Protein backbone atom coordinates (compact mmCIF):
# COMPACT_ATOMS: atom_id res chain seq x y z
CA MET A 1 -10.54 8.81 16.55
CA PHE A 2 -13.05 8.11 14.42
CA ALA A 3 -13.53 9.25 10.52
CA GLU A 4 -17.26 8.90 8.87
CA VAL A 5 -19.14 9.85 5.93
CA THR A 6 -22.67 10.72 6.42
CA THR A 7 -25.44 12.26 4.23
CA ALA A 8 -27.13 12.55 7.60
CA LEU A 9 -27.67 15.87 9.20
CA LEU A 10 -24.48 16.10 11.66
CA ASP A 11 -24.90 16.26 15.08
CA GLU A 12 -21.94 18.25 16.85
CA THR A 13 -22.74 17.58 19.78
CA ALA A 14 -23.18 13.77 19.85
CA TYR A 15 -19.27 14.28 17.93
CA VAL A 16 -18.28 16.66 21.24
CA GLU A 17 -19.25 13.79 23.34
CA LYS A 18 -17.52 10.95 21.22
CA LEU A 19 -14.61 12.83 21.24
CA ARG A 20 -14.75 13.87 25.26
CA GLN A 21 -15.68 10.50 26.00
CA SER A 22 -12.01 9.31 24.04
CA SER A 23 -10.01 11.99 25.36
CA HIS A 24 -8.68 11.17 28.99
CA ASN A 25 -6.69 13.39 30.52
CA ALA A 26 -7.01 16.01 27.30
CA GLY A 27 -6.83 19.94 28.56
CA ALA A 28 -8.15 21.03 25.50
CA ILE A 29 -10.98 20.17 22.69
CA VAL A 30 -11.49 22.03 19.75
CA THR A 31 -13.49 21.73 17.40
CA PHE A 32 -14.54 23.30 13.53
CA THR A 33 -17.27 23.37 11.64
CA GLY A 34 -17.81 23.99 8.60
CA LEU A 35 -20.95 25.61 6.59
CA VAL A 36 -22.15 25.54 2.55
CA ARG A 37 -21.88 29.45 1.61
CA ASP A 38 -24.70 30.74 -0.02
CA TYR A 39 -22.55 32.19 -2.82
CA ASN A 40 -19.56 31.62 -4.76
CA ALA A 41 -16.62 33.48 -6.58
CA ASP A 42 -19.27 34.30 -9.66
CA GLY A 43 -22.49 34.94 -7.60
CA ALA A 44 -24.91 33.07 -5.59
CA ILE A 45 -25.24 29.77 -5.63
CA GLU A 46 -28.38 27.22 -4.15
CA GLY A 47 -26.20 24.17 -2.40
CA ILE A 48 -23.51 22.09 -2.96
CA SER A 49 -23.12 18.16 -3.48
CA LEU A 50 -20.33 15.67 -2.48
CA GLU A 51 -19.50 12.97 -4.23
CA GLN A 52 -17.20 10.42 -2.69
CA TYR A 53 -15.64 7.25 -3.96
CA PRO A 54 -16.67 4.17 -0.77
CA GLY A 55 -15.10 3.44 1.48
CA MET A 56 -11.51 5.46 0.14
CA THR A 57 -12.88 8.61 1.22
CA ALA A 58 -13.29 6.81 5.14
CA SER A 59 -10.09 5.33 4.96
CA ALA A 60 -7.99 8.68 3.98
CA MET A 61 -9.97 10.19 6.63
CA GLN A 62 -8.66 8.12 9.31
CA GLN A 63 -5.10 7.88 7.72
CA LEU A 64 -5.25 11.74 7.96
CA LEU A 65 -5.84 11.69 10.98
CA GLN A 66 -3.50 9.26 12.50
CA GLN A 67 -0.61 11.46 10.64
CA ALA A 68 -2.16 14.91 13.04
CA SER A 69 -2.24 12.36 16.32
CA ALA A 70 1.14 11.21 15.98
CA ARG A 71 2.56 15.29 14.61
CA PHE A 72 0.27 16.60 17.07
CA ALA A 73 0.14 13.89 20.13
CA LEU A 74 -3.14 13.98 19.79
CA LEU A 75 -5.13 12.13 22.47
CA SER A 76 -8.23 11.46 20.31
CA ALA A 77 -9.75 13.61 17.11
CA GLY A 78 -11.82 12.77 15.00
CA ILE A 79 -13.51 13.95 10.96
CA VAL A 80 -16.78 13.56 10.21
CA HIS A 81 -18.23 14.91 6.45
CA ARG A 82 -21.27 14.97 4.79
CA VAL A 83 -21.93 13.72 0.78
CA GLY A 84 -24.83 13.96 -1.44
CA TYR A 85 -26.81 17.58 -1.53
CA ILE A 86 -26.20 20.06 1.19
CA GLY A 87 -28.01 23.04 1.27
CA ASN A 88 -26.75 26.47 2.18
CA TYR A 89 -25.69 27.17 5.77
CA GLU A 90 -26.00 23.38 6.33
CA PRO A 91 -22.76 21.89 7.97
CA VAL A 92 -21.29 20.10 5.43
CA VAL A 93 -17.68 18.71 7.35
CA TRP A 94 -17.15 18.46 11.51
CA VAL A 95 -13.37 18.54 12.80
CA GLY A 96 -12.73 17.80 16.59
CA CYS A 97 -8.96 17.46 17.96
CA SER A 98 -8.18 17.15 21.77
CA ALA A 99 -4.77 16.96 23.53
CA SER A 100 -2.95 17.55 26.70
CA HIS A 101 -2.70 21.27 26.35
CA ARG A 102 -4.67 23.84 23.39
CA LYS A 103 -2.06 24.57 21.51
CA ALA A 104 -1.81 20.86 19.66
CA ALA A 105 -5.46 21.04 19.73
CA PHE A 106 -5.73 23.78 17.80
CA ASP A 107 -2.79 23.16 15.57
CA GLY A 108 -4.04 19.71 14.84
CA ALA A 109 -7.17 21.09 13.95
CA GLU A 110 -5.98 23.23 11.59
CA PHE A 111 -3.91 20.78 10.15
CA VAL A 112 -6.76 18.24 9.80
CA MET A 113 -9.14 20.91 7.74
CA ASP A 114 -6.05 22.03 5.55
CA MET A 115 -4.88 18.56 4.53
CA LEU A 116 -8.42 17.17 4.36
CA LYS A 117 -8.90 19.03 0.97
CA LYS A 118 -6.31 18.40 -0.47
CA SER A 119 -5.49 14.47 0.60
CA VAL A 120 -9.05 13.41 1.25
CA PRO A 121 -11.10 12.41 -2.13
CA LEU A 122 -14.16 14.15 -2.76
CA TRP A 123 -15.93 15.81 -4.87
CA LYS A 124 -17.74 18.84 -4.98
CA LYS A 125 -21.03 20.00 -7.51
CA GLU A 126 -22.11 23.87 -6.78
CA HIS A 127 -26.12 24.40 -7.38
CA ALA A 128 -27.11 27.96 -9.16
CA ASP A 129 -29.85 28.73 -11.51
CA GLY A 130 -30.89 25.13 -11.95
CA LYS A 131 -27.58 24.06 -13.30
CA THR A 132 -24.32 21.99 -11.14
CA ALA A 133 -20.81 22.83 -12.40
CA TRP A 134 -17.98 20.74 -11.00
CA VAL A 135 -15.74 22.63 -8.47
CA ALA A 136 -11.95 22.86 -9.27
CA ALA A 137 -9.45 22.99 -6.32
CA LYS A 138 -8.27 26.15 -5.34
CA ALA A 139 -4.70 27.83 -4.81
CA SER A 140 -5.36 28.74 -1.28
CA ASP A 141 -6.59 25.50 -0.35
CA GLU A 142 -3.32 23.36 -2.06
CA GLU A 143 -1.10 26.76 -0.66
CA ALA A 144 -2.85 25.41 3.23
CA ALA A 145 -1.43 21.76 2.23
CA MET A 146 1.63 22.99 1.20
CA LYS A 147 2.83 25.36 4.47
CA TRP A 148 2.48 22.02 6.53
CA LEU A 149 4.38 19.70 3.80
CA ARG A 150 7.10 22.04 3.49
CA ASN A 151 8.07 22.30 6.88
CA GLU A 152 7.98 18.33 7.08
CA GLY A 153 9.84 18.55 4.03
CA LEU A 154 7.62 16.44 2.10
CA SER A 155 6.24 18.97 -1.00
CA ASP A 156 9.26 18.47 -3.13
CA ASN A 157 7.52 14.22 -3.39
CA LEU A 158 4.29 15.54 -4.69
C-alpha cells in the first residue's frame, strides 16, 4: 500500500503500475482520478489550492488504506493527493484498489474516496476573480462517509 502527498502533476500510469506490482493474484484493479472542476455552486473558478498538515496527512491516508484493506480484503491500495495550486481540469487525487474480485476493488475505491474527505486533513481554497475563499465541507461528502460508518455502527461515536 502507498500513500503520497505531492505538489507534482499526477502520473496515473506510474501509480497503476506500482499497484499492479504489489497485487499478486489480483482479479481486479479499480482506479479513480478526481479532477478540478472549473465551477462551483456560485459560478466559474480559476483553480484551487490545497493545504496539508505535513506528516499527518500522509499518515491519515495510510490509515485509511489499512481500514479499506481489512474491510474489503484488498490485495493492495494507493492514494496520491496533490497539494498547492492546482489548475482547472488537472488531476488532484488518484485512488487505486486491487482485489481478487471486482466488487471488492470497486467498493474499496468508493470507500477510500468517500472517507478521504472526512478523515484526511486537507484544506481547500478556490480561486475566482483574483480572490480566494476557503471551502467548507459539503453535506453530500458527510453523507457519503456516514453511509459507511452507519454500516459499521460507528456513526454514534463521531
